[in-house]
Amino acid sequence: PPILLPDSRCTPGGEGARCVCSASA
């Protein structure tokens, strides 16, 4: 089954944010 990776996070910037969701399986 999938494993979420540590680089999964949200980073605010400018007008909003960039969210990253990384998974391996």
PDBML (XML) file of the C-alpha atoms, coordinates in Angstrom:
<?xml version="1.0" encoding="UTF-8" ?>
<PDBx:datablock datablockName="MODEL"
   xmlns:PDBx="http://pdbml.pdb.org/schema/pdbx-v50.xsd"
   xmlns:xsi="http://www.w3.org/2001/XMLSchema-instance"
   xsi:schemaLocation="http://pdbml.pdb.org/schema/pdbx-v50.xsd pdbx-v50.xsd">
   <PDBx:atom_siteCategory>
      <PDBx:atom_site id="1">
         <PDBx:B_iso_or_equiv>0.00</PDBx:B_iso_or_equiv>
         <PDBx:Cartn_x>0.000</PDBx:Cartn_x>
         <PDBx:Cartn_y>0.000</PDBx:Cartn_y>
         <PDBx:Cartn_z>0.000</PDBx:Cartn_z>
         <PDBx:auth_asym_id>A</PDBx:auth_asym_id>
         <PDBx:auth_atom_id>CA</PDBx:auth_atom_id>
         <PDBx:auth_comp_id>PRO</PDBx:auth_comp_id>
         <PDBx:auth_seq_id>1</PDBx:auth_seq_id>
         <PDBx:group_PDB>ATOM</PDBx:group_PDB>
         <PDBx:label_alt_id xsi:nil="true" />
         <PDBx:label_asym_id>A</PDBx:label_asym_id>
         <PDBx:label_atom_id>CA</PDBx:label_atom_id>
         <PDBx:label_comp_id>PRO</PDBx:label_comp_id>
         <PDBx:label_entity_id>1</PDBx:label_entity_id>
         <PDBx:label_seq_id>1</PDBx:label_seq_id>
         <PDBx:occupancy>1.00</PDBx:occupancy>
         <PDBx:pdbx_PDB_model_num>1</PDBx:pdbx_PDB_model_num>
         <PDBx:type_symbol>C</PDBx:type_symbol>
      </PDBx:atom_site>
      <PDBx:atom_site id="2">
         <PDBx:B_iso_or_equiv>0.00</PDBx:B_iso_or_equiv>
         <PDBx:Cartn_x>1.044</PDBx:Cartn_x>
         <PDBx:Cartn_y>3.644</PDBx:Cartn_y>
         <PDBx:Cartn_z>-0.404</PDBx:Cartn_z>
         <PDBx:auth_asym_id>A</PDBx:auth_asym_id>
         <PDBx:auth_atom_id>CA</PDBx:auth_atom_id>
         <PDBx:auth_comp_id>PRO</PDBx:auth_comp_id>
         <PDBx:auth_seq_id>2</PDBx:auth_seq_id>
         <PDBx:group_PDB>ATOM</PDBx:group_PDB>
         <PDBx:label_alt_id xsi:nil="true" />
         <PDBx:label_asym_id>A</PDBx:label_asym_id>
         <PDBx:label_atom_id>CA</PDBx:label_atom_id>
         <PDBx:label_comp_id>PRO</PDBx:label_comp_id>
         <PDBx:label_entity_id>1</PDBx:label_entity_id>
         <PDBx:label_seq_id>2</PDBx:label_seq_id>
         <PDBx:occupancy>1.00</PDBx:occupancy>
         <PDBx:pdbx_PDB_model_num>1</PDBx:pdbx_PDB_model_num>
         <PDBx:type_symbol>C</PDBx:type_symbol>
      </PDBx:atom_site>
      <PDBx:atom_site id="3">
         <PDBx:B_iso_or_equiv>0.00</PDBx:B_iso_or_equiv>
         <PDBx:Cartn_x>3.514</PDBx:Cartn_x>
         <PDBx:Cartn_y>5.316</PDBx:Cartn_y>
         <PDBx:Cartn_z>1.907</PDBx:Cartn_z>
         <PDBx:auth_asym_id>A</PDBx:auth_asym_id>
         <PDBx:auth_atom_id>CA</PDBx:auth_atom_id>
         <PDBx:auth_comp_id>ILE</PDBx:auth_comp_id>
         <PDBx:auth_seq_id>3</PDBx:auth_seq_id>
         <PDBx:group_PDB>ATOM</PDBx:group_PDB>
         <PDBx:label_alt_id xsi:nil="true" />
         <PDBx:label_asym_id>A</PDBx:label_asym_id>
         <PDBx:label_atom_id>CA</PDBx:label_atom_id>
         <PDBx:label_comp_id>ILE</PDBx:label_comp_id>
         <PDBx:label_entity_id>1</PDBx:label_entity_id>
         <PDBx:label_seq_id>3</PDBx:label_seq_id>
         <PDBx:occupancy>1.00</PDBx:occupancy>
         <PDBx:pdbx_PDB_model_num>1</PDBx:pdbx_PDB_model_num>
         <PDBx:type_symbol>C</PDBx:type_symbol>
      </PDBx:atom_site>
      <PDBx:atom_site id="4">
         <PDBx:B_iso_or_equiv>0.00</PDBx:B_iso_or_equiv>
         <PDBx:Cartn_x>3.402</PDBx:Cartn_x>
         <PDBx:Cartn_y>9.128</PDBx:Cartn_y>
         <PDBx:Cartn_z>2.151</PDBx:Cartn_z>
         <PDBx:auth_asym_id>A</PDBx:auth_asym_id>
         <PDBx:auth_atom_id>CA</PDBx:auth_atom_id>
         <PDBx:auth_comp_id>LEU</PDBx:auth_comp_id>
         <PDBx:auth_seq_id>4</PDBx:auth_seq_id>
         <PDBx:group_PDB>ATOM</PDBx:group_PDB>
         <PDBx:label_alt_id xsi:nil="true" />
         <PDBx:label_asym_id>A</PDBx:label_asym_id>
         <PDBx:label_atom_id>CA</PDBx:label_atom_id>
         <PDBx:label_comp_id>LEU</PDBx:label_comp_id>
         <PDBx:label_entity_id>1</PDBx:label_entity_id>
         <PDBx:label_seq_id>4</PDBx:label_seq_id>
         <PDBx:occupancy>1.00</PDBx:occupancy>
         <PDBx:pdbx_PDB_model_num>1</PDBx:pdbx_PDB_model_num>
         <PDBx:type_symbol>C</PDBx:type_symbol>
      </PDBx:atom_site>
      <PDBx:atom_site id="5">
         <PDBx:B_iso_or_equiv>0.00</PDBx:B_iso_or_equiv>
         <PDBx:Cartn_x>6.823</PDBx:Cartn_x>
         <PDBx:Cartn_y>10.709</PDBx:Cartn_y>
         <PDBx:Cartn_z>1.762</PDBx:Cartn_z>
         <PDBx:auth_asym_id>A</PDBx:auth_asym_id>
         <PDBx:auth_atom_id>CA</PDBx:auth_atom_id>
         <PDBx:auth_comp_id>LEU</PDBx:auth_comp_id>
         <PDBx:auth_seq_id>5</PDBx:auth_seq_id>
         <PDBx:group_PDB>ATOM</PDBx:group_PDB>
         <PDBx:label_alt_id xsi:nil="true" />
         <PDBx:label_asym_id>A</PDBx:label_asym_id>
         <PDBx:label_atom_id>CA</PDBx:label_atom_id>
         <PDBx:label_comp_id>LEU</PDBx:label_comp_id>
         <PDBx:label_entity_id>1</PDBx:label_entity_id>
         <PDBx:label_seq_id>5</PDBx:label_seq_id>
         <PDBx:occupancy>1.00</PDBx:occupancy>
         <PDBx:pdbx_PDB_model_num>1</PDBx:pdbx_PDB_model_num>
         <PDBx:type_symbol>C</PDBx:type_symbol>
      </PDBx:atom_site>
      <PDBx:atom_site id="6">
         <PDBx:B_iso_or_equiv>0.00</PDBx:B_iso_or_equiv>
         <PDBx:Cartn_x>8.305</PDBx:Cartn_x>
         <PDBx:Cartn_y>13.391</PDBx:Cartn_y>
         <PDBx:Cartn_z>4.043</PDBx:Cartn_z>
         <PDBx:auth_asym_id>A</PDBx:auth_asym_id>
         <PDBx:auth_atom_id>CA</PDBx:auth_atom_id>
         <PDBx:auth_comp_id>PRO</PDBx:auth_comp_id>
         <PDBx:auth_seq_id>6</PDBx:auth_seq_id>
         <PDBx:group_PDB>ATOM</PDBx:group_PDB>
         <PDBx:label_alt_id xsi:nil="true" />
         <PDBx:label_asym_id>A</PDBx:label_asym_id>
         <PDBx:label_atom_id>CA</PDBx:label_atom_id>
         <PDBx:label_comp_id>PRO</PDBx:label_comp_id>
         <PDBx:label_entity_id>1</PDBx:label_entity_id>
         <PDBx:label_seq_id>6</PDBx:label_seq_id>
         <PDBx:occupancy>1.00</PDBx:occupancy>
         <PDBx:pdbx_PDB_model_num>1</PDBx:pdbx_PDB_model_num>
         <PDBx:type_symbol>C</PDBx:type_symbol>
      </PDBx:atom_site>
      <PDBx:atom_site id="7">
         <PDBx:B_iso_or_equiv>0.00</PDBx:B_iso_or_equiv>
         <PDBx:Cartn_x>8.312</PDBx:Cartn_x>
         <PDBx:Cartn_y>16.049</PDBx:Cartn_y>
         <PDBx:Cartn_z>1.301</PDBx:Cartn_z>
         <PDBx:auth_asym_id>A</PDBx:auth_asym_id>
         <PDBx:auth_atom_id>CA</PDBx:auth_atom_id>
         <PDBx:auth_comp_id>ASP</PDBx:auth_comp_id>
         <PDBx:auth_seq_id>7</PDBx:auth_seq_id>
         <PDBx:group_PDB>ATOM</PDBx:group_PDB>
         <PDBx:label_alt_id xsi:nil="true" />
         <PDBx:label_asym_id>A</PDBx:label_asym_id>
         <PDBx:label_atom_id>CA</PDBx:label_atom_id>
         <PDBx:label_comp_id>ASP</PDBx:label_comp_id>
         <PDBx:label_entity_id>1</PDBx:label_entity_id>
         <PDBx:label_seq_id>7</PDBx:label_seq_id>
         <PDBx:occupancy>1.00</PDBx:occupancy>
         <PDBx:pdbx_PDB_model_num>1</PDBx:pdbx_PDB_model_num>
         <PDBx:type_symbol>C</PDBx:type_symbol>
      </PDBx:atom_site>
      <PDBx:atom_site id="8">
         <PDBx:B_iso_or_equiv>0.00</PDBx:B_iso_or_equiv>
         <PDBx:Cartn_x>4.491</PDBx:Cartn_x>
         <PDBx:Cartn_y>16.148</PDBx:Cartn_y>
         <PDBx:Cartn_z>1.489</PDBx:Cartn_z>
         <PDBx:auth_asym_id>A</PDBx:auth_asym_id>
         <PDBx:auth_atom_id>CA</PDBx:auth_atom_id>
         <PDBx:auth_comp_id>SER</PDBx:auth_comp_id>
         <PDBx:auth_seq_id>8</PDBx:auth_seq_id>
         <PDBx:group_PDB>ATOM</PDBx:group_PDB>
         <PDBx:label_alt_id xsi:nil="true" />
         <PDBx:label_asym_id>A</PDBx:label_asym_id>
         <PDBx:label_atom_id>CA</PDBx:label_atom_id>
         <PDBx:label_comp_id>SER</PDBx:label_comp_id>
         <PDBx:label_entity_id>1</PDBx:label_entity_id>
         <PDBx:label_seq_id>8</PDBx:label_seq_id>
         <PDBx:occupancy>1.00</PDBx:occupancy>
         <PDBx:pdbx_PDB_model_num>1</PDBx:pdbx_PDB_model_num>
         <PDBx:type_symbol>C</PDBx:type_symbol>
      </PDBx:atom_site>
      <PDBx:atom_site id="9">
         <PDBx:B_iso_or_equiv>0.00</PDBx:B_iso_or_equiv>
         <PDBx:Cartn_x>3.659</PDBx:Cartn_x>
         <PDBx:Cartn_y>19.632</PDBx:Cartn_y>
         <PDBx:Cartn_z>2.805</PDBx:Cartn_z>
         <PDBx:auth_asym_id>A</PDBx:auth_asym_id>
         <PDBx:auth_atom_id>CA</PDBx:auth_atom_id>
         <PDBx:auth_comp_id>ARG</PDBx:auth_comp_id>
         <PDBx:auth_seq_id>9</PDBx:auth_seq_id>
         <PDBx:group_PDB>ATOM</PDBx:group_PDB>
         <PDBx:label_alt_id xsi:nil="true" />
         <PDBx:label_asym_id>A</PDBx:label_asym_id>
         <PDBx:label_atom_id>CA</PDBx:label_atom_id>
         <PDBx:label_comp_id>ARG</PDBx:label_comp_id>
         <PDBx:label_entity_id>1</PDBx:label_entity_id>
         <PDBx:label_seq_id>9</PDBx:label_seq_id>
         <PDBx:occupancy>1.00</PDBx:occupancy>
         <PDBx:pdbx_PDB_model_num>1</PDBx:pdbx_PDB_model_num>
         <PDBx:type_symbol>C</PDBx:type_symbol>
      </PDBx:atom_site>
      <PDBx:atom_site id="10">
         <PDBx:B_iso_or_equiv>0.00</PDBx:B_iso_or_equiv>
         <PDBx:Cartn_x>2.193</PDBx:Cartn_x>
         <PDBx:Cartn_y>23.030</PDBx:Cartn_y>
         <PDBx:Cartn_z>2.003</PDBx:Cartn_z>
         <PDBx:auth_asym_id>A</PDBx:auth_asym_id>
         <PDBx:auth_atom_id>CA</PDBx:auth_atom_id>
         <PDBx:auth_comp_id>CYS</PDBx:auth_comp_id>
         <PDBx:auth_seq_id>10</PDBx:auth_seq_id>
         <PDBx:group_PDB>ATOM</PDBx:group_PDB>
         <PDBx:label_alt_id xsi:nil="true" />
         <PDBx:label_asym_id>A</PDBx:label_asym_id>
         <PDBx:label_atom_id>CA</PDBx:label_atom_id>
         <PDBx:label_comp_id>CYS</PDBx:label_comp_id>
         <PDBx:label_entity_id>1</PDBx:label_entity_id>
         <PDBx:label_seq_id>10</PDBx:label_seq_id>
         <PDBx:occupancy>1.00</PDBx:occupancy>
         <PDBx:pdbx_PDB_model_num>1</PDBx:pdbx_PDB_model_num>
         <PDBx:type_symbol>C</PDBx:type_symbol>
      </PDBx:atom_site>
      <PDBx:atom_site id="11">
         <PDBx:B_iso_or_equiv>0.00</PDBx:B_iso_or_equiv>
         <PDBx:Cartn_x>4.350</PDBx:Cartn_x>
         <PDBx:Cartn_y>26.110</PDBx:Cartn_y>
         <PDBx:Cartn_z>1.490</PDBx:Cartn_z>
         <PDBx:auth_asym_id>A</PDBx:auth_asym_id>
         <PDBx:auth_atom_id>CA</PDBx:auth_atom_id>
         <PDBx:auth_comp_id>THR</PDBx:auth_comp_id>
         <PDBx:auth_seq_id>11</PDBx:auth_seq_id>
         <PDBx:group_PDB>ATOM</PDBx:group_PDB>
         <PDBx:label_alt_id xsi:nil="true" />
         <PDBx:label_asym_id>A</PDBx:label_asym_id>
         <PDBx:label_atom_id>CA</PDBx:label_atom_id>
         <PDBx:label_comp_id>THR</PDBx:label_comp_id>
         <PDBx:label_entity_id>1</PDBx:label_entity_id>
         <PDBx:label_seq_id>11</PDBx:label_seq_id>
         <PDBx:occupancy>1.00</PDBx:occupancy>
         <PDBx:pdbx_PDB_model_num>1</PDBx:pdbx_PDB_model_num>
         <PDBx:type_symbol>C</PDBx:type_symbol>
      </PDBx:atom_site>
      <PDBx:atom_site id="12">
         <PDBx:B_iso_or_equiv>0.00</PDBx:B_iso_or_equiv>
         <PDBx:Cartn_x>2.697</PDBx:Cartn_x>
         <PDBx:Cartn_y>29.548</PDBx:Cartn_y>
         <PDBx:Cartn_z>1.597</PDBx:Cartn_z>
         <PDBx:auth_asym_id>A</PDBx:auth_asym_id>
         <PDBx:auth_atom_id>CA</PDBx:auth_atom_id>
         <PDBx:auth_comp_id>PRO</PDBx:auth_comp_id>
         <PDBx:auth_seq_id>12</PDBx:auth_seq_id>
         <PDBx:group_PDB>ATOM</PDBx:group_PDB>
         <PDBx:label_alt_id xsi:nil="true" />
         <PDBx:label_asym_id>A</PDBx:label_asym_id>
         <PDBx:label_atom_id>CA</PDBx:label_atom_id>
         <PDBx:label_comp_id>PRO</PDBx:label_comp_id>
         <PDBx:label_entity_id>1</PDBx:label_entity_id>
         <PDBx:label_seq_id>12</PDBx:label_seq_id>
         <PDBx:occupancy>1.00</PDBx:occupancy>
         <PDBx:pdbx_PDB_model_num>1</PDBx:pdbx_PDB_model_num>
         <PDBx:type_symbol>C</PDBx:type_symbol>
      </PDBx:atom_site>
      <PDBx:atom_site id="13">
         <PDBx:B_iso_or_equiv>0.00</PDBx:B_iso_or_equiv>
         <PDBx:Cartn_x>3.899</PDBx:Cartn_x>
         <PDBx:Cartn_y>32.077</PDBx:Cartn_y>
         <PDBx:Cartn_z>-0.920</PDBx:Cartn_z>
         <PDBx:auth_asym_id>A</PDBx:auth_asym_id>
         <PDBx:auth_atom_id>CA</PDBx:auth_atom_id>
         <PDBx:auth_comp_id>GLY</PDBx:auth_comp_id>
         <PDBx:auth_seq_id>13</PDBx:auth_seq_id>
         <PDBx:group_PDB>ATOM</PDBx:group_PDB>
         <PDBx:label_alt_id xsi:nil="true" />
         <PDBx:label_asym_id>A</PDBx:label_asym_id>
         <PDBx:label_atom_id>CA</PDBx:label_atom_id>
         <PDBx:label_comp_id>GLY</PDBx:label_comp_id>
         <PDBx:label_entity_id>1</PDBx:label_entity_id>
         <PDBx:label_seq_id>13</PDBx:label_seq_id>
         <PDBx:occupancy>1.00</PDBx:occupancy>
         <PDBx:pdbx_PDB_model_num>1</PDBx:pdbx_PDB_model_num>
         <PDBx:type_symbol>C</PDBx:type_symbol>
      </PDBx:atom_site>
      <PDBx:atom_site id="14">
         <PDBx:B_iso_or_equiv>0.00</PDBx:B_iso_or_equiv>
         <PDBx:Cartn_x>2.618</PDBx:Cartn_x>
         <PDBx:Cartn_y>35.140</PDBx:Cartn_y>
         <PDBx:Cartn_z>-2.747</PDBx:Cartn_z>
         <PDBx:auth_asym_id>A</PDBx:auth_asym_id>
         <PDBx:auth_atom_id>CA</PDBx:auth_atom_id>
         <PDBx:auth_comp_id>GLY</PDBx:auth_comp_id>
         <PDBx:auth_seq_id>14</PDBx:auth_seq_id>
         <PDBx:group_PDB>ATOM</PDBx:group_PDB>
         <PDBx:label_alt_id xsi:nil="true" />
         <PDBx:label_asym_id>A</PDBx:label_asym_id>
         <PDBx:label_atom_id>CA</PDBx:label_atom_id>
         <PDBx:label_comp_id>GLY</PDBx:label_comp_id>
         <PDBx:label_entity_id>1</PDBx:label_entity_id>
         <PDBx:label_seq_id>14</PDBx:label_seq_id>
         <PDBx:occupancy>1.00</PDBx:occupancy>
         <PDBx:pdbx_PDB_model_num>1</PDBx:pdbx_PDB_model_num>
         <PDBx:type_symbol>C</PDBx:type_symbol>
      </PDBx:atom_site>
      <PDBx:atom_site id="15">
         <PDBx:B_iso_or_equiv>0.00</PDBx:B_iso_or_equiv>
         <PDBx:Cartn_x>-1.155</PDBx:Cartn_x>
         <PDBx:Cartn_y>34.985</PDBx:Cartn_y>
         <PDBx:Cartn_z>-2.933</PDBx:Cartn_z>
         <PDBx:auth_asym_id>A</PDBx:auth_asym_id>
         <PDBx:auth_atom_id>CA</PDBx:auth_atom_id>
         <PDBx:auth_comp_id>GLU</PDBx:auth_comp_id>
         <PDBx:auth_seq_id>15</PDBx:auth_seq_id>
         <PDBx:group_PDB>ATOM</PDBx:group_PDB>
         <PDBx:label_alt_id xsi:nil="true" />
         <PDBx:label_asym_id>A</PDBx:label_asym_id>
         <PDBx:label_atom_id>CA</PDBx:label_atom_id>
         <PDBx:label_comp_id>GLU</PDBx:label_comp_id>
         <PDBx:label_entity_id>1</PDBx:label_entity_id>
         <PDBx:label_seq_id>15</PDBx:label_seq_id>
         <PDBx:occupancy>1.00</PDBx:occupancy>
         <PDBx:pdbx_PDB_model_num>1</PDBx:pdbx_PDB_model_num>
         <PDBx:type_symbol>C</PDBx:type_symbol>
      </PDBx:atom_site>
      <PDBx:atom_site id="16">
         <PDBx:B_iso_or_equiv>0.00</PDBx:B_iso_or_equiv>
         <PDBx:Cartn_x>-1.826</PDBx:Cartn_x>
         <PDBx:Cartn_y>31.455</PDBx:Cartn_y>
         <PDBx:Cartn_z>-1.718</PDBx:Cartn_z>
         <PDBx:auth_asym_id>A</PDBx:auth_asym_id>
         <PDBx:auth_atom_id>CA</PDBx:auth_atom_id>
         <PDBx:auth_comp_id>GLY</PDBx:auth_comp_id>
         <PDBx:auth_seq_id>16</PDBx:auth_seq_id>
         <PDBx:group_PDB>ATOM</PDBx:group_PDB>
         <PDBx:label_alt_id xsi:nil="true" />
         <PDBx:label_asym_id>A</PDBx:label_asym_id>
         <PDBx:label_atom_id>CA</PDBx:label_atom_id>
         <PDBx:label_comp_id>GLY</PDBx:label_comp_id>
         <PDBx:label_entity_id>1</PDBx:label_entity_id>
         <PDBx:label_seq_id>16</PDBx:label_seq_id>
         <PDBx:occupancy>1.00</PDBx:occupancy>
         <PDBx:pdbx_PDB_model_num>1</PDBx:pdbx_PDB_model_num>
         <PDBx:type_symbol>C</PDBx:type_symbol>
      </PDBx:atom_site>
      <PDBx:atom_site id="17">
         <PDBx:B_iso_or_equiv>0.00</PDBx:B_iso_or_equiv>
         <PDBx:Cartn_x>0.137</PDBx:Cartn_x>
         <PDBx:Cartn_y>28.274</PDBx:Cartn_y>
         <PDBx:Cartn_z>-1.196</PDBx:Cartn_z>
         <PDBx:auth_asym_id>A</PDBx:auth_asym_id>
         <PDBx:auth_atom_id>CA</PDBx:auth_atom_id>
         <PDBx:auth_comp_id>ALA</PDBx:auth_comp_id>
         <PDBx:auth_seq_id>17</PDBx:auth_seq_id>
         <PDBx:group_PDB>ATOM</PDBx:group_PDB>
         <PDBx:label_alt_id xsi:nil="true" />
         <PDBx:label_asym_id>A</PDBx:label_asym_id>
         <PDBx:label_atom_id>CA</PDBx:label_atom_id>
         <PDBx:label_comp_id>ALA</PDBx:label_comp_id>
         <PDBx:label_entity_id>1</PDBx:label_entity_id>
         <PDBx:label_seq_id>17</PDBx:label_seq_id>
         <PDBx:occupancy>1.00</PDBx:occupancy>
         <PDBx:pdbx_PDB_model_num>1</PDBx:pdbx_PDB_model_num>
         <PDBx:type_symbol>C</PDBx:type_symbol>
      </PDBx:atom_site>
      <PDBx:atom_site id="18">
         <PDBx:B_iso_or_equiv>0.00</PDBx:B_iso_or_equiv>
         <PDBx:Cartn_x>1.646</PDBx:Cartn_x>
         <PDBx:Cartn_y>25.298</PDBx:Cartn_y>
         <PDBx:Cartn_z>-2.994</PDBx:Cartn_z>
         <PDBx:auth_asym_id>A</PDBx:auth_asym_id>
         <PDBx:auth_atom_id>CA</PDBx:auth_atom_id>
         <PDBx:auth_comp_id>ARG</PDBx:auth_comp_id>
         <PDBx:auth_seq_id>18</PDBx:auth_seq_id>
         <PDBx:group_PDB>ATOM</PDBx:group_PDB>
         <PDBx:label_alt_id xsi:nil="true" />
         <PDBx:label_asym_id>A</PDBx:label_asym_id>
         <PDBx:label_atom_id>CA</PDBx:label_atom_id>
         <PDBx:label_comp_id>ARG</PDBx:label_comp_id>
         <PDBx:label_entity_id>1</PDBx:label_entity_id>
         <PDBx:label_seq_id>18</PDBx:label_seq_id>
         <PDBx:occupancy>1.00</PDBx:occupancy>
         <PDBx:pdbx_PDB_model_num>1</PDBx:pdbx_PDB_model_num>
         <PDBx:type_symbol>C</PDBx:type_symbol>
      </PDBx:atom_site>
      <PDBx:atom_site id="19">
         <PDBx:B_iso_or_equiv>0.00</PDBx:B_iso_or_equiv>
         <PDBx:Cartn_x>0.815</PDBx:Cartn_x>
         <PDBx:Cartn_y>21.888</PDBx:Cartn_y>
         <PDBx:Cartn_z>-1.512</PDBx:Cartn_z>
         <PDBx:auth_asym_id>A</PDBx:auth_asym_id>
         <PDBx:auth_atom_id>CA</PDBx:auth_atom_id>
         <PDBx:auth_comp_id>CYS</PDBx:auth_comp_id>
         <PDBx:auth_seq_id>19</PDBx:auth_seq_id>
         <PDBx:group_PDB>ATOM</PDBx:group_PDB>
         <PDBx:label_alt_id xsi:nil="true" />
         <PDBx:label_asym_id>A</PDBx:label_asym_id>
         <PDBx:label_atom_id>CA</PDBx:label_atom_id>
         <PDBx:label_comp_id>CYS</PDBx:label_comp_id>
         <PDBx:label_entity_id>1</PDBx:label_entity_id>
         <PDBx:label_seq_id>19</PDBx:label_seq_id>
         <PDBx:occupancy>1.00</PDBx:occupancy>
         <PDBx:pdbx_PDB_model_num>1</PDBx:pdbx_PDB_model_num>
         <PDBx:type_symbol>C</PDBx:type_symbol>
      </PDBx:atom_site>
      <PDBx:atom_site id="20">
         <PDBx:B_iso_or_equiv>0.00</PDBx:B_iso_or_equiv>
         <PDBx:Cartn_x>2.761</PDBx:Cartn_x>
         <PDBx:Cartn_y>18.748</PDBx:Cartn_y>
         <PDBx:Cartn_z>-2.413</PDBx:Cartn_z>
         <PDBx:auth_asym_id>A</PDBx:auth_asym_id>
         <PDBx:auth_atom_id>CA</PDBx:auth_atom_id>
         <PDBx:auth_comp_id>VAL</PDBx:auth_comp_id>
         <PDBx:auth_seq_id>20</PDBx:auth_seq_id>
         <PDBx:group_PDB>ATOM</PDBx:group_PDB>
         <PDBx:label_alt_id xsi:nil="true" />
         <PDBx:label_asym_id>A</PDBx:label_asym_id>
         <PDBx:label_atom_id>CA</PDBx:label_atom_id>
         <PDBx:label_comp_id>VAL</PDBx:label_comp_id>
         <PDBx:label_entity_id>1</PDBx:label_entity_id>
         <PDBx:label_seq_id>20</PDBx:label_seq_id>
         <PDBx:occupancy>1.00</PDBx:occupancy>
         <PDBx:pdbx_PDB_model_num>1</PDBx:pdbx_PDB_model_num>
         <PDBx:type_symbol>C</PDBx:type_symbol>
      </PDBx:atom_site>
      <PDBx:atom_site id="21">
         <PDBx:B_iso_or_equiv>0.00</PDBx:B_iso_or_equiv>
         <PDBx:Cartn_x>1.561</PDBx:Cartn_x>
         <PDBx:Cartn_y>15.203</PDBx:Cartn_y>
         <PDBx:Cartn_z>-1.782</PDBx:Cartn_z>
         <PDBx:auth_asym_id>A</PDBx:auth_asym_id>
         <PDBx:auth_atom_id>CA</PDBx:auth_atom_id>
         <PDBx:auth_comp_id>CYS</PDBx:auth_comp_id>
         <PDBx:auth_seq_id>21</PDBx:auth_seq_id>
         <PDBx:group_PDB>ATOM</PDBx:group_PDB>
         <PDBx:label_alt_id xsi:nil="true" />
         <PDBx:label_asym_id>A</PDBx:label_asym_id>
         <PDBx:label_atom_id>CA</PDBx:label_atom_id>
         <PDBx:label_comp_id>CYS</PDBx:label_comp_id>
         <PDBx:label_entity_id>1</PDBx:label_entity_id>
         <PDBx:label_seq_id>21</PDBx:label_seq_id>
         <PDBx:occupancy>1.00</PDBx:occupancy>
         <PDBx:pdbx_PDB_model_num>1</PDBx:pdbx_PDB_model_num>
         <PDBx:type_symbol>C</PDBx:type_symbol>
      </PDBx:atom_site>
      <PDBx:atom_site id="22">
         <PDBx:B_iso_or_equiv>0.00</PDBx:B_iso_or_equiv>
         <PDBx:Cartn_x>4.089</PDBx:Cartn_x>
         <PDBx:Cartn_y>12.448</PDBx:Cartn_y>
         <PDBx:Cartn_z>-2.617</PDBx:Cartn_z>
         <PDBx:auth_asym_id>A</PDBx:auth_asym_id>
         <PDBx:auth_atom_id>CA</PDBx:auth_atom_id>
         <PDBx:auth_comp_id>SER</PDBx:auth_comp_id>
         <PDBx:auth_seq_id>22</PDBx:auth_seq_id>
         <PDBx:group_PDB>ATOM</PDBx:group_PDB>
         <PDBx:label_alt_id xsi:nil="true" />
         <PDBx:label_asym_id>A</PDBx:label_asym_id>
         <PDBx:label_atom_id>CA</PDBx:label_atom_id>
         <PDBx:label_comp_id>SER</PDBx:label_comp_id>
         <PDBx:label_entity_id>1</PDBx:label_entity_id>
         <PDBx:label_seq_id>22</PDBx:label_seq_id>
         <PDBx:occupancy>1.00</PDBx:occupancy>
         <PDBx:pdbx_PDB_model_num>1</PDBx:pdbx_PDB_model_num>
         <PDBx:type_symbol>C</PDBx:type_symbol>
      </PDBx:atom_site>
      <PDBx:atom_site id="23">
         <PDBx:B_iso_or_equiv>0.00</PDBx:B_iso_or_equiv>
         <PDBx:Cartn_x>3.447</PDBx:Cartn_x>
         <PDBx:Cartn_y>8.733</PDBx:Cartn_y>
         <PDBx:Cartn_z>-2.213</PDBx:Cartn_z>
         <PDBx:auth_asym_id>A</PDBx:auth_asym_id>
         <PDBx:auth_atom_id>CA</PDBx:auth_atom_id>
         <PDBx:auth_comp_id>ALA</PDBx:auth_comp_id>
         <PDBx:auth_seq_id>23</PDBx:auth_seq_id>
         <PDBx:group_PDB>ATOM</PDBx:group_PDB>
         <PDBx:label_alt_id xsi:nil="true" />
         <PDBx:label_asym_id>A</PDBx:label_asym_id>
         <PDBx:label_atom_id>CA</PDBx:label_atom_id>
         <PDBx:label_comp_id>ALA</PDBx:label_comp_id>
         <PDBx:label_entity_id>1</PDBx:label_entity_id>
         <PDBx:label_seq_id>23</PDBx:label_seq_id>
         <PDBx:occupancy>1.00</PDBx:occupancy>
         <PDBx:pdbx_PDB_model_num>1</PDBx:pdbx_PDB_model_num>
         <PDBx:type_symbol>C</PDBx:type_symbol>
      </PDBx:atom_site>
      <PDBx:atom_site id="24">
         <PDBx:B_iso_or_equiv>0.00</PDBx:B_iso_or_equiv>
         <PDBx:Cartn_x>5.300</PDBx:Cartn_x>
         <PDBx:Cartn_y>5.546</PDBx:Cartn_y>
         <PDBx:Cartn_z>-3.139</PDBx:Cartn_z>
         <PDBx:auth_asym_id>A</PDBx:auth_asym_id>
         <PDBx:auth_atom_id>CA</PDBx:auth_atom_id>
         <PDBx:auth_comp_id>SER</PDBx:auth_comp_id>
         <PDBx:auth_seq_id>24</PDBx:auth_seq_id>
         <PDBx:group_PDB>ATOM</PDBx:group_PDB>
         <PDBx:label_alt_id xsi:nil="true" />
         <PDBx:label_asym_id>A</PDBx:label_asym_id>
         <PDBx:label_atom_id>CA</PDBx:label_atom_id>
         <PDBx:label_comp_id>SER</PDBx:label_comp_id>
         <PDBx:label_entity_id>1</PDBx:label_entity_id>
         <PDBx:label_seq_id>24</PDBx:label_seq_id>
         <PDBx:occupancy>1.00</PDBx:occupancy>
         <PDBx:pdbx_PDB_model_num>1</PDBx:pdbx_PDB_model_num>
         <PDBx:type_symbol>C</PDBx:type_symbol>
      </PDBx:atom_site>
      <PDBx:atom_site id="25">
         <PDBx:B_iso_or_equiv>0.00</PDBx:B_iso_or_equiv>
         <PDBx:Cartn_x>3.720</PDBx:Cartn_x>
         <PDBx:Cartn_y>2.131</PDBx:Cartn_y>
         <PDBx:Cartn_z>-3.719</PDBx:Cartn_z>
         <PDBx:auth_asym_id>A</PDBx:auth_asym_id>
         <PDBx:auth_atom_id>CA</PDBx:auth_atom_id>
         <PDBx:auth_comp_id>ALA</PDBx:auth_comp_id>
         <PDBx:auth_seq_id>25</PDBx:auth_seq_id>
         <PDBx:group_PDB>ATOM</PDBx:group_PDB>
         <PDBx:label_alt_id xsi:nil="true" />
         <PDBx:label_asym_id>A</PDBx:label_asym_id>
         <PDBx:label_atom_id>CA</PDBx:label_atom_id>
         <PDBx:label_comp_id>ALA</PDBx:label_comp_id>
         <PDBx:label_entity_id>1</PDBx:label_entity_id>
         <PDBx:label_seq_id>25</PDBx:label_seq_id>
         <PDBx:occupancy>1.00</PDBx:occupancy>
         <PDBx:pdbx_PDB_model_num>1</PDBx:pdbx_PDB_model_num>
         <PDBx:type_symbol>C</PDBx:type_symbol>
      </PDBx:atom_site>
   </PDBx:atom_siteCategory>
</PDBx:datablock>
